[in-house]
Amino acid sequence: MEAMETKARALRRLEQAGRQLVGGPTHDAVLRRIVDGFGMMRAAPGANPADLASLTEILAGPEAALRLLDAA
């Protein structure tokens, strides 16, 4: 999990460059697909909702993390 959080933080730092490169709406759509993937992973055997929420918070903010937890 620690390695995934480290990678998520690195991705977050690249957000501004990504927004400039592909445009805000495209970047937001890709981020939504990633977060939606975390939501689908909740049902996987061995999945830890708290870990998925942590990754979601790093990438998409606390509101998205709360939505992921509320959907569980």
C-alpha atoms as a PDB file:
ATOM      1  CA  MET A   1       0.000   0.000   0.000  1.00  0.00           C
ATOM      2  CA  GLU A   2       2.835   2.381   0.820  1.00  0.00           C
ATOM      3  CA  ALA A   3       4.229   2.027  -2.696  1.00  0.00           C
ATOM      4  CA  MET A   4       0.800   2.775  -4.188  1.00  0.00           C
ATOM      5  CA  GLU A   5       0.437   5.879  -2.008  1.00  0.00           C
ATOM      6  CA  THR A   6       3.881   7.081  -3.069  1.00  0.00           C
ATOM      7  CA  LYS A   7       2.937   6.658  -6.719  1.00  0.00           C
ATOM      8  CA  ALA A   8      -0.409   8.372  -6.165  1.00  0.00           C
ATOM      9  CA  ARG A   9       1.354  11.359  -4.600  1.00  0.00           C
ATOM     10  CA  ALA A  10       3.747  11.529  -7.546  1.00  0.00           C
ATOM     11  CA  LEU A  11       0.798  11.488  -9.933  1.00  0.00           C
ATOM     12  CA  ARG A  12      -0.842  14.259  -7.968  1.00  0.00           C
ATOM     13  CA  ARG A  13       2.301  16.398  -8.343  1.00  0.00           C
ATOM     14  CA  LEU A  14       2.106  15.902 -12.104  1.00  0.00           C
ATOM     15  CA  GLU A  15      -1.507  17.059 -12.216  1.00  0.00           C
ATOM     16  CA  GLN A  16      -0.792  20.612 -13.320  1.00  0.00           C
ATOM     17  CA  ALA A  17       1.378  19.515 -16.229  1.00  0.00           C
ATOM     18  CA  GLY A  18      -1.253  16.969 -17.248  1.00  0.00           C
ATOM     19  CA  ARG A  19      -3.972  19.585 -17.215  1.00  0.00           C
ATOM     20  CA  GLN A  20      -1.884  21.842 -19.435  1.00  0.00           C
ATOM     21  CA  LEU A  21      -0.975  19.010 -21.798  1.00  0.00           C
ATOM     22  CA  VAL A  22      -4.382  17.416 -22.370  1.00  0.00           C
ATOM     23  CA  GLY A  23      -6.716  20.064 -21.027  1.00  0.00           C
ATOM     24  CA  GLY A  24      -8.711  20.178 -17.829  1.00  0.00           C
ATOM     25  CA  PRO A  25     -11.818  18.294 -18.996  1.00  0.00           C
ATOM     26  CA  THR A  26      -9.806  15.392 -20.438  1.00  0.00           C
ATOM     27  CA  HIS A  27      -7.663  15.204 -17.327  1.00  0.00           C
ATOM     28  CA  ASP A  28     -10.770  15.198 -15.132  1.00  0.00           C
ATOM     29  CA  ALA A  29     -12.340  12.415 -17.198  1.00  0.00           C
ATOM     30  CA  VAL A  30      -9.237  10.221 -16.846  1.00  0.00           C
ATOM     31  CA  LEU A  31      -9.124  10.892 -13.106  1.00  0.00           C
ATOM     32  CA  ARG A  32     -12.812   9.940 -12.799  1.00  0.00           C
ATOM     33  CA  ARG A  33     -12.106   6.650 -14.598  1.00  0.00           C
ATOM     34  CA  ILE A  34      -9.282   5.896 -12.157  1.00  0.00           C
ATOM     35  CA  VAL A  35     -11.433   6.695  -9.126  1.00  0.00           C
ATOM     36  CA  ASP A  36     -14.306   4.659 -10.581  1.00  0.00           C
ATOM     37  CA  GLY A  37     -11.846   1.777 -10.892  1.00  0.00           C
ATOM     38  CA  PHE A  38     -11.057   2.069  -7.196  1.00  0.00           C
ATOM     39  CA  GLY A  39     -14.795   1.879  -6.541  1.00  0.00           C
ATOM     40  CA  MET A  40     -15.045  -1.348  -8.533  1.00  0.00           C
ATOM     41  CA  MET A  41     -12.036  -2.762  -6.683  1.00  0.00           C
ATOM     42  CA  ARG A  42     -13.928  -2.454  -3.366  1.00  0.00           C
ATOM     43  CA  ALA A  43     -15.691  -5.740  -4.045  1.00  0.00           C
ATOM     44  CA  ALA A  44     -12.478  -7.617  -4.871  1.00  0.00           C
ATOM     45  CA  PRO A  45     -11.366 -10.261  -2.391  1.00  0.00           C
ATOM     46  CA  GLY A  46      -8.842  -8.776   0.009  1.00  0.00           C
ATOM     47  CA  ALA A  47      -9.608  -5.189  -0.964  1.00  0.00           C
ATOM     48  CA  ASN A  48      -9.284  -2.685   1.857  1.00  0.00           C
ATOM     49  CA  PRO A  49     -11.792   0.167   1.508  1.00  0.00           C
ATOM     50  CA  ALA A  50      -9.652   2.412   3.735  1.00  0.00           C
ATOM     51  CA  ASP A  51      -6.650   1.949   1.428  1.00  0.00           C
ATOM     52  CA  LEU A  52      -8.750   2.661  -1.643  1.00  0.00           C
ATOM     53  CA  ALA A  53     -10.190   5.753   0.049  1.00  0.00           C
ATOM     54  CA  SER A  54      -6.684   6.934   0.885  1.00  0.00           C
ATOM     55  CA  LEU A  55      -5.580   6.626  -2.749  1.00  0.00           C
ATOM     56  CA  THR A  56      -8.761   8.355  -3.867  1.00  0.00           C
ATOM     57  CA  GLU A  57      -8.165  11.216  -1.449  1.00  0.00           C
ATOM     58  CA  ILE A  58      -4.609  11.718  -2.702  1.00  0.00           C
ATOM     59  CA  LEU A  59      -5.700  11.801  -6.346  1.00  0.00           C
ATOM     60  CA  ALA A  60      -9.159  13.335  -6.248  1.00  0.00           C
ATOM     61  CA  GLY A  61      -9.631  14.949  -2.844  1.00  0.00           C
ATOM     62  CA  PRO A  62     -11.476  14.187   0.362  1.00  0.00           C
ATOM     63  CA  GLU A  63     -14.980  14.522  -1.082  1.00  0.00           C
ATOM     64  CA  ALA A  64     -14.303  11.787  -3.633  1.00  0.00           C
ATOM     65  CA  ALA A  65     -12.868   9.574  -0.888  1.00  0.00           C
ATOM     66  CA  LEU A  66     -15.991  10.053   1.214  1.00  0.00           C
ATOM     67  CA  ARG A  67     -18.196   9.174  -1.757  1.00  0.00           C
ATOM     68  CA  LEU A  68     -16.199   5.975  -2.237  1.00  0.00           C
ATOM     69  CA  LEU A  69     -16.626   5.039   1.425  1.00  0.00           C
ATOM     70  CA  ASP A  70     -20.326   5.957   1.444  1.00  0.00           C
ATOM     71  CA  ALA A  71     -20.944   3.686  -1.530  1.00  0.00           C
ATOM     72  CA  ALA A  72     -19.544   0.681   0.335  1.00  0.00           C
END
